[in-house]
N, C-alpha and C. Protein backbone atom coordinates (compact mmCIF):
# COMPACT_ATOMS: atom_id res chain seq x y z
N MET A 1 103.91 103.54 77.91
CA MET A 1 103.31 102.63 78.86
C MET A 1 101.80 102.82 78.84
N THR A 2 101.09 101.77 79.02
CA THR A 2 99.63 101.83 79.08
C THR A 2 99.21 102.41 80.42
N LYS A 3 98.25 103.32 80.38
CA LYS A 3 97.71 103.90 81.60
C LYS A 3 96.26 103.48 81.72
N LYS A 4 95.82 103.32 82.95
CA LYS A 4 94.42 102.97 83.16
C LYS A 4 93.79 103.95 84.13
N ALA A 5 92.52 104.21 83.91
CA ALA A 5 91.78 105.12 84.77
C ALA A 5 90.43 104.50 85.11
N ILE A 6 90.10 104.52 86.39
CA ILE A 6 88.82 104.00 86.85
C ILE A 6 87.88 105.18 87.08
N ASP A 7 86.70 105.11 86.49
CA ASP A 7 85.66 106.12 86.72
C ASP A 7 84.52 105.42 87.44
N VAL A 8 84.50 105.58 88.75
CA VAL A 8 83.52 104.88 89.58
C VAL A 8 82.10 105.30 89.20
N GLU A 9 81.88 106.59 89.02
CA GLU A 9 80.54 107.09 88.71
C GLU A 9 80.01 106.53 87.39
N ALA A 10 80.87 106.47 86.39
CA ALA A 10 80.46 105.96 85.07
C ALA A 10 80.49 104.44 85.02
N GLY A 11 81.19 103.81 85.98
CA GLY A 11 81.31 102.36 85.98
C GLY A 11 82.19 101.86 84.85
N THR A 12 83.29 102.59 84.60
CA THR A 12 84.17 102.23 83.49
C THR A 12 85.63 102.18 83.93
N VAL A 13 86.40 101.42 83.16
CA VAL A 13 87.85 101.44 83.25
C VAL A 13 88.35 101.75 81.85
N THR A 14 89.19 102.77 81.75
CA THR A 14 89.74 103.17 80.45
C THR A 14 91.22 102.84 80.42
N PHE A 15 91.63 102.17 79.35
CA PHE A 15 93.03 101.86 79.11
C PHE A 15 93.51 102.75 77.98
N ASP A 16 94.48 103.61 78.26
CA ASP A 16 95.05 104.50 77.25
C ASP A 16 96.41 103.96 76.85
N PHE A 17 96.59 103.75 75.54
CA PHE A 17 97.81 103.16 75.02
C PHE A 17 98.73 104.23 74.44
N GLU A 18 100.01 103.90 74.34
CA GLU A 18 101.01 104.84 73.83
C GLU A 18 100.72 105.29 72.41
N ASN A 19 100.02 104.48 71.65
CA ASN A 19 99.73 104.84 70.27
C ASN A 19 98.55 105.81 70.15
N GLY A 20 98.03 106.27 71.30
CA GLY A 20 96.94 107.24 71.29
C GLY A 20 95.56 106.62 71.32
N LYS A 21 95.48 105.31 71.18
CA LYS A 21 94.18 104.64 71.20
C LYS A 21 93.78 104.32 72.64
N SER A 22 92.49 104.19 72.85
CA SER A 22 91.95 103.86 74.17
C SER A 22 90.92 102.76 74.04
N ILE A 23 90.80 101.96 75.08
CA ILE A 23 89.75 100.96 75.17
C ILE A 23 89.04 101.20 76.50
N VAL A 24 87.72 101.33 76.42
CA VAL A 24 86.90 101.55 77.61
C VAL A 24 86.08 100.29 77.86
N ILE A 25 86.14 99.78 79.07
CA ILE A 25 85.33 98.63 79.46
C ILE A 25 84.27 99.13 80.43
N GLU A 26 83.02 98.89 80.08
CA GLU A 26 81.89 99.35 80.89
C GLU A 26 81.34 98.19 81.70
N LEU A 27 81.30 98.37 83.00
CA LEU A 27 80.80 97.33 83.89
C LEU A 27 79.36 96.95 83.54
N ALA A 28 78.55 97.91 83.18
CA ALA A 28 77.14 97.66 82.88
C ALA A 28 76.96 96.72 81.68
N LYS A 29 77.96 96.60 80.83
CA LYS A 29 77.86 95.75 79.65
C LYS A 29 78.42 94.35 79.90
N CYS A 30 78.97 94.12 81.08
CA CYS A 30 79.50 92.80 81.42
C CYS A 30 78.33 91.93 81.88
N THR A 31 78.34 90.68 81.47
CA THR A 31 77.24 89.77 81.82
C THR A 31 77.77 88.40 82.21
N GLY A 32 76.87 87.56 82.64
CA GLY A 32 77.17 86.14 82.88
C GLY A 32 78.31 85.90 83.83
N GLU A 33 79.14 84.96 83.45
CA GLU A 33 80.28 84.53 84.27
C GLU A 33 81.24 85.68 84.55
N ALA A 34 81.44 86.56 83.57
CA ALA A 34 82.34 87.70 83.76
C ALA A 34 81.84 88.59 84.89
N LEU A 35 80.56 88.89 84.89
CA LEU A 35 79.99 89.76 85.92
C LEU A 35 80.08 89.11 87.30
N LYS A 36 79.95 87.81 87.33
CA LYS A 36 80.03 87.07 88.59
C LYS A 36 81.46 87.06 89.13
N ARG A 37 82.44 86.91 88.24
CA ARG A 37 83.82 86.78 88.66
C ARG A 37 84.53 88.11 88.90
N LEU A 38 84.09 89.18 88.24
CA LEU A 38 84.77 90.46 88.39
C LEU A 38 84.91 90.93 89.83
N PRO A 39 83.84 90.94 90.62
CA PRO A 39 84.00 91.38 92.00
C PRO A 39 84.92 90.47 92.81
N LEU A 40 84.86 89.18 92.53
CA LEU A 40 85.71 88.25 93.26
C LEU A 40 87.18 88.48 92.92
N HIS A 41 87.43 88.74 91.64
CA HIS A 41 88.80 89.06 91.24
C HIS A 41 89.27 90.35 91.92
N GLY A 42 88.37 91.34 92.00
CA GLY A 42 88.70 92.60 92.65
C GLY A 42 89.03 92.40 94.13
N ILE A 43 88.24 91.57 94.80
CA ILE A 43 88.50 91.29 96.22
C ILE A 43 89.85 90.60 96.37
N SER A 44 90.11 89.63 95.51
CA SER A 44 91.38 88.92 95.54
C SER A 44 92.55 89.88 95.31
N GLN A 45 92.41 90.76 94.34
CA GLN A 45 93.46 91.72 94.01
C GLN A 45 93.67 92.70 95.16
N LYS A 46 92.58 93.23 95.70
CA LYS A 46 92.66 94.20 96.81
C LYS A 46 93.33 93.55 98.03
N GLY A 47 92.92 92.32 98.34
CA GLY A 47 93.54 91.63 99.46
C GLY A 47 95.02 91.37 99.22
N GLY A 48 95.35 90.91 98.03
CA GLY A 48 96.75 90.65 97.68
C GLY A 48 97.60 91.91 97.70
N ASP A 49 97.06 92.99 97.18
CA ASP A 49 97.79 94.25 97.19
C ASP A 49 98.09 94.71 98.62
N SER A 50 97.18 94.41 99.53
CA SER A 50 97.32 94.91 100.90
C SER A 50 98.55 94.34 101.61
N TYR A 51 99.00 93.16 101.18
CA TYR A 51 100.17 92.58 101.85
C TYR A 51 101.38 92.48 100.92
N ALA A 52 101.41 93.34 99.92
CA ALA A 52 102.53 93.32 98.98
C ALA A 52 103.87 93.56 99.67
N GLY A 53 103.89 94.32 100.75
CA GLY A 53 105.13 94.60 101.45
C GLY A 53 105.45 93.61 102.56
N ALA A 54 104.71 92.53 102.64
CA ALA A 54 104.89 91.57 103.74
C ALA A 54 106.30 91.01 103.79
N GLY A 55 106.90 90.78 102.66
CA GLY A 55 108.23 90.19 102.62
C GLY A 55 109.29 91.04 103.28
N ASP A 56 109.03 92.33 103.42
CA ASP A 56 109.99 93.23 104.04
C ASP A 56 109.78 93.35 105.55
N SER A 57 108.75 92.70 106.06
CA SER A 57 108.46 92.83 107.49
C SER A 57 109.14 91.71 108.28
N ALA A 58 109.23 91.90 109.58
CA ALA A 58 109.86 90.90 110.43
C ALA A 58 109.05 89.61 110.49
N ASP A 59 107.74 89.71 110.39
CA ASP A 59 106.86 88.54 110.43
C ASP A 59 105.89 88.61 109.25
N PRO A 60 106.32 88.14 108.07
CA PRO A 60 105.49 88.27 106.87
C PRO A 60 104.10 87.67 106.98
N ALA A 61 103.97 86.54 107.63
CA ALA A 61 102.65 85.90 107.74
C ALA A 61 101.70 86.75 108.58
N ALA A 62 102.18 87.26 109.69
CA ALA A 62 101.33 88.11 110.54
C ALA A 62 100.97 89.41 109.83
N TYR A 63 101.93 89.97 109.12
CA TYR A 63 101.69 91.19 108.35
C TYR A 63 100.58 90.97 107.33
N ALA A 64 100.70 89.89 106.56
CA ALA A 64 99.71 89.59 105.52
C ALA A 64 98.34 89.35 106.13
N GLU A 65 98.27 88.58 107.20
CA GLU A 65 96.98 88.31 107.84
C GLU A 65 96.33 89.59 108.34
N GLN A 66 97.11 90.45 108.96
CA GLN A 66 96.58 91.71 109.48
C GLN A 66 96.12 92.62 108.34
N ALA A 67 96.88 92.64 107.25
CA ALA A 67 96.53 93.49 106.12
C ALA A 67 95.21 93.05 105.48
N VAL A 68 95.04 91.75 105.29
CA VAL A 68 93.80 91.24 104.68
C VAL A 68 92.62 91.45 105.64
N ALA A 69 92.84 91.28 106.93
CA ALA A 69 91.77 91.53 107.90
C ALA A 69 91.33 92.99 107.84
N GLU A 70 92.28 93.91 107.63
CA GLU A 70 91.94 95.33 107.53
C GLU A 70 91.13 95.59 106.25
N VAL A 71 91.50 94.95 105.15
CA VAL A 71 90.74 95.10 103.90
C VAL A 71 89.32 94.60 104.10
N LYS A 72 89.18 93.45 104.72
CA LYS A 72 87.84 92.88 104.98
C LYS A 72 87.01 93.85 105.81
N LYS A 73 87.61 94.38 106.86
CA LYS A 73 86.92 95.33 107.74
C LYS A 73 86.45 96.55 106.93
N GLN A 74 87.33 97.10 106.10
CA GLN A 74 86.98 98.26 105.27
C GLN A 74 85.84 97.94 104.32
N MET A 75 85.93 96.80 103.65
CA MET A 75 84.90 96.43 102.67
C MET A 75 83.55 96.23 103.34
N TYR A 76 83.53 95.56 104.48
CA TYR A 76 82.28 95.31 105.18
C TYR A 76 81.68 96.61 105.73
N ALA A 77 82.54 97.63 105.92
CA ALA A 77 82.07 98.93 106.40
C ALA A 77 81.70 99.84 105.24
N GLY A 78 81.83 99.33 104.01
CA GLY A 78 81.50 100.15 102.84
C GLY A 78 82.54 101.18 102.51
N GLU A 79 83.76 100.99 102.98
CA GLU A 79 84.85 101.95 102.74
C GLU A 79 85.75 101.44 101.63
N TRP A 80 86.35 102.39 100.93
CA TRP A 80 87.33 102.04 99.90
C TRP A 80 88.53 102.94 100.07
N ARG A 81 89.65 102.33 100.38
CA ARG A 81 90.88 103.10 100.56
C ARG A 81 91.95 102.52 99.67
N ALA A 82 92.80 103.40 99.16
CA ALA A 82 93.91 102.93 98.33
C ALA A 82 94.95 102.24 99.20
N THR A 83 95.02 102.62 100.46
CA THR A 83 95.99 102.02 101.37
C THR A 83 95.28 101.65 102.65
N SER A 84 96.03 101.03 103.54
CA SER A 84 95.42 100.62 104.80
C SER A 84 95.07 101.82 105.66
N ALA A 85 94.26 101.58 106.64
CA ALA A 85 93.81 102.66 107.52
C ALA A 85 94.90 103.13 108.46
N GLY A 86 96.06 102.50 108.44
CA GLY A 86 97.12 102.90 109.34
C GLY A 86 96.84 102.48 110.76
N GLY A 87 96.17 101.36 110.89
CA GLY A 87 95.86 100.85 112.21
C GLY A 87 97.12 100.45 112.94
N PRO A 88 97.15 99.26 113.50
CA PRO A 88 98.31 98.87 114.28
C PRO A 88 99.55 98.65 113.44
N ARG A 89 99.38 98.45 112.14
CA ARG A 89 100.51 98.21 111.27
C ARG A 89 101.21 99.53 110.94
N THR A 90 102.52 99.59 111.07
CA THR A 90 103.27 100.79 110.74
C THR A 90 104.09 100.50 109.50
N SER A 91 103.96 101.35 108.51
CA SER A 91 104.69 101.12 107.27
C SER A 91 106.17 101.42 107.47
N ASP A 92 106.98 100.80 106.63
CA ASP A 92 108.41 101.09 106.65
C ASP A 92 108.66 102.55 106.31
N LEU A 93 107.83 103.13 105.45
CA LEU A 93 107.98 104.54 105.09
C LEU A 93 107.82 105.41 106.33
N ALA A 94 106.80 105.13 107.14
CA ALA A 94 106.59 105.91 108.36
C ALA A 94 107.76 105.73 109.32
N THR A 95 108.24 104.51 109.44
CA THR A 95 109.38 104.25 110.32
C THR A 95 110.62 105.01 109.84
N ALA A 96 110.85 105.00 108.53
CA ALA A 96 112.02 105.69 107.97
C ALA A 96 111.93 107.20 108.23
N ILE A 97 110.79 107.78 107.97
CA ILE A 97 110.63 109.23 108.17
C ILE A 97 110.78 109.57 109.65
N SER A 98 110.22 108.74 110.51
CA SER A 98 110.33 108.96 111.95
C SER A 98 111.79 108.93 112.39
N ARG A 99 112.54 107.98 111.88
CA ARG A 99 113.97 107.90 112.23
C ARG A 99 114.72 109.15 111.76
N LEU A 100 114.35 109.64 110.59
CA LEU A 100 115.07 110.78 110.02
C LEU A 100 114.72 112.11 110.66
N ASN A 101 113.44 112.31 110.99
CA ASN A 101 113.06 113.62 111.52
C ASN A 101 112.84 113.62 113.03
N GLY A 102 112.94 112.46 113.67
CA GLY A 102 112.83 112.39 115.12
C GLY A 102 111.42 112.52 115.67
N LYS A 103 110.43 112.59 114.79
CA LYS A 103 109.04 112.69 115.26
C LYS A 103 108.53 111.31 115.64
N PRO A 104 107.57 111.25 116.56
CA PRO A 104 107.00 109.94 116.92
C PRO A 104 106.38 109.28 115.69
N VAL A 105 106.55 107.97 115.58
CA VAL A 105 106.06 107.25 114.41
C VAL A 105 104.55 107.40 114.25
N GLU A 106 103.82 107.50 115.36
CA GLU A 106 102.36 107.66 115.28
C GLU A 106 102.00 108.97 114.57
N GLU A 107 102.78 110.01 114.83
CA GLU A 107 102.55 111.31 114.18
C GLU A 107 102.82 111.21 112.68
N VAL A 108 103.88 110.49 112.32
CA VAL A 108 104.22 110.32 110.91
C VAL A 108 103.16 109.48 110.21
N VAL A 109 102.67 108.42 110.88
CA VAL A 109 101.61 107.58 110.31
C VAL A 109 100.39 108.43 110.02
N GLU A 110 100.04 109.30 110.95
CA GLU A 110 98.87 110.17 110.76
C GLU A 110 99.07 111.10 109.56
N SER A 111 100.25 111.67 109.44
CA SER A 111 100.55 112.56 108.30
C SER A 111 100.51 111.79 106.98
N LEU A 112 101.10 110.60 106.98
CA LEU A 112 101.11 109.80 105.76
C LEU A 112 99.71 109.36 105.37
N GLY A 113 98.83 109.21 106.34
CA GLY A 113 97.45 108.84 106.06
C GLY A 113 96.73 109.89 105.22
N LYS A 114 97.22 111.12 105.26
CA LYS A 114 96.63 112.21 104.49
C LYS A 114 97.30 112.39 103.13
N ALA A 115 98.42 111.72 102.92
CA ALA A 115 99.17 111.84 101.67
C ALA A 115 98.58 110.95 100.58
N THR A 116 98.71 111.38 99.36
CA THR A 116 98.26 110.57 98.23
C THR A 116 99.30 109.49 97.95
N ASP A 117 98.92 108.50 97.17
CA ASP A 117 99.87 107.46 96.78
C ASP A 117 101.04 108.08 96.01
N GLU A 118 100.76 109.07 95.18
CA GLU A 118 101.80 109.74 94.39
C GLU A 118 102.78 110.47 95.31
N GLN A 119 102.27 111.13 96.33
CA GLN A 119 103.15 111.82 97.29
C GLN A 119 104.04 110.83 98.03
N LYS A 120 103.46 109.70 98.41
CA LYS A 120 104.25 108.68 99.10
C LYS A 120 105.33 108.11 98.17
N LYS A 121 104.97 107.94 96.92
CA LYS A 121 105.92 107.43 95.93
C LYS A 121 107.11 108.39 95.81
N GLU A 122 106.82 109.68 95.78
CA GLU A 122 107.88 110.68 95.69
C GLU A 122 108.74 110.69 96.95
N LEU A 123 108.11 110.54 98.11
CA LEU A 123 108.87 110.48 99.36
C LEU A 123 109.86 109.32 99.33
N ARG A 124 109.41 108.17 98.83
CA ARG A 124 110.28 106.98 98.79
C ARG A 124 111.51 107.20 97.91
N LYS A 125 111.42 108.13 96.95
CA LYS A 125 112.54 108.41 96.04
C LYS A 125 113.59 109.33 96.66
N HIS A 126 113.24 110.06 97.73
CA HIS A 126 114.19 110.97 98.37
C HIS A 126 115.41 110.17 98.82
N PRO A 127 116.62 110.63 98.52
CA PRO A 127 117.81 109.83 98.82
C PRO A 127 117.94 109.39 100.28
N GLN A 128 117.68 110.28 101.24
CA GLN A 128 117.81 109.90 102.64
C GLN A 128 116.74 108.88 103.03
N ILE A 129 115.52 109.09 102.53
CA ILE A 129 114.44 108.15 102.85
C ILE A 129 114.72 106.81 102.19
N ALA A 130 115.16 106.84 100.93
CA ALA A 130 115.46 105.59 100.21
C ALA A 130 116.54 104.80 100.94
N ALA A 131 117.58 105.49 101.42
CA ALA A 131 118.66 104.81 102.14
C ALA A 131 118.15 104.22 103.45
N THR A 132 117.30 104.95 104.15
CA THR A 132 116.76 104.45 105.42
C THR A 132 115.82 103.27 105.17
N LEU A 133 115.03 103.35 104.10
CA LEU A 133 114.16 102.22 103.74
C LEU A 133 114.99 100.97 103.45
N ALA A 134 116.12 101.15 102.74
CA ALA A 134 116.99 100.01 102.45
C ALA A 134 117.56 99.42 103.73
N ALA A 135 117.91 100.28 104.69
CA ALA A 135 118.44 99.80 105.97
C ALA A 135 117.36 99.03 106.74
N ILE A 136 116.13 99.54 106.72
CA ILE A 136 115.02 98.85 107.40
C ILE A 136 114.78 97.49 106.75
N LYS A 137 114.82 97.46 105.43
CA LYS A 137 114.63 96.19 104.72
C LYS A 137 115.73 95.19 105.11
N ALA A 138 116.95 95.68 105.21
CA ALA A 138 118.07 94.81 105.61
C ALA A 138 117.88 94.31 107.05
N GLU A 139 117.43 95.19 107.94
CA GLU A 139 117.18 94.80 109.32
C GLU A 139 116.11 93.71 109.39
N ASN A 140 115.04 93.90 108.63
CA ASN A 140 113.96 92.91 108.62
C ASN A 140 114.43 91.58 108.04
N ALA A 141 115.26 91.66 107.00
CA ALA A 141 115.80 90.43 106.41
C ALA A 141 116.69 89.70 107.42
N ALA A 142 117.47 90.46 108.18
CA ALA A 142 118.33 89.84 109.20
C ALA A 142 117.49 89.17 110.28
N LYS A 143 116.39 89.80 110.67
CA LYS A 143 115.49 89.20 111.67
C LYS A 143 114.90 87.90 111.14
N ARG A 144 114.47 87.92 109.86
CA ARG A 144 113.91 86.70 109.27
C ARG A 144 114.96 85.60 109.19
N ALA A 145 116.19 85.98 108.81
CA ALA A 145 117.28 85.00 108.71
C ALA A 145 117.57 84.39 110.07
N ALA A 146 117.58 85.23 111.11
CA ALA A 146 117.84 84.72 112.46
C ALA A 146 116.74 83.77 112.90
N ALA A 147 115.49 84.10 112.60
CA ALA A 147 114.37 83.23 112.97
C ALA A 147 114.45 81.90 112.23
N LEU A 148 114.82 81.95 110.95
CA LEU A 148 114.96 80.71 110.18
C LEU A 148 116.13 79.87 110.68
N ALA A 149 117.22 80.53 111.05
CA ALA A 149 118.39 79.80 111.57
C ALA A 149 118.04 79.13 112.89
N GLU A 150 117.27 79.82 113.71
CA GLU A 150 116.85 79.25 114.99
C GLU A 150 115.96 78.03 114.75
N LYS A 151 115.08 78.14 113.78
CA LYS A 151 114.20 77.02 113.45
C LYS A 151 115.03 75.84 112.94
N ALA A 152 116.02 76.13 112.10
CA ALA A 152 116.87 75.07 111.56
C ALA A 152 117.69 74.41 112.65
N ALA A 153 118.15 75.20 113.60
CA ALA A 153 118.94 74.66 114.70
C ALA A 153 118.09 73.80 115.63
N GLY A 154 116.79 74.03 115.60
CA GLY A 154 115.88 73.28 116.45
C GLY A 154 115.60 71.88 115.94
N GLY A 155 116.32 71.46 114.95
CA GLY A 155 116.15 70.09 114.48
C GLY A 155 115.13 69.97 113.38
N ALA A 156 115.38 70.61 112.27
CA ALA A 156 114.46 70.55 111.15
C ALA A 156 114.54 69.22 110.43
N GLY A 157 115.43 68.36 110.90
CA GLY A 157 115.54 67.03 110.29
C GLY A 157 116.62 66.99 109.21
N GLU A 158 116.69 65.84 108.61
CA GLU A 158 117.68 65.63 107.56
C GLU A 158 117.28 66.39 106.31
N LEU A 159 118.28 66.79 105.57
CA LEU A 159 118.02 67.42 104.28
C LEU A 159 117.42 66.37 103.35
N PRO A 160 116.49 66.76 102.52
CA PRO A 160 115.92 65.79 101.57
C PRO A 160 116.97 65.39 100.53
N ALA A 161 116.85 64.17 100.06
CA ALA A 161 117.75 63.70 99.00
C ALA A 161 117.54 64.58 97.79
N PHE A 162 118.64 65.02 97.22
CA PHE A 162 118.53 65.94 96.10
C PHE A 162 119.60 65.62 95.09
N GLY A 163 119.20 65.56 93.84
CA GLY A 163 120.15 65.41 92.75
C GLY A 163 120.50 64.05 92.49
């Protein structure tokens, strides 16, 4: 698998390939339209990444809006975080760990805020945590289904002609 590494100080991104070869892209050598679009693409990517888990939440639109607002706040403050600041949004991982160990979710959120992405990835693989995450995902899906059913019952109109 191709691996990539960002070196902020050098202003480079290195792509290491399975065949042992590497390609380094230097920001300082980018010009014109590419230089203009790169930051915009980065902002778009960062914002999009922030709400990647929205589909698993009870209110995906609110989750996504809150996540992008948090990214904007961080960027305008000159901050760069791999994950959200753990503000009002509680991750499913924090909820799962809280359910399993009985600690308040706020305490778990604080602990997870100190964990690396790799540590969080490993936590998600733990069988008990993985099972609890699946249960939370199912609960959220049931909430979304109930909300959609309620909307449909409210008179969504005739089905469109199809086929």
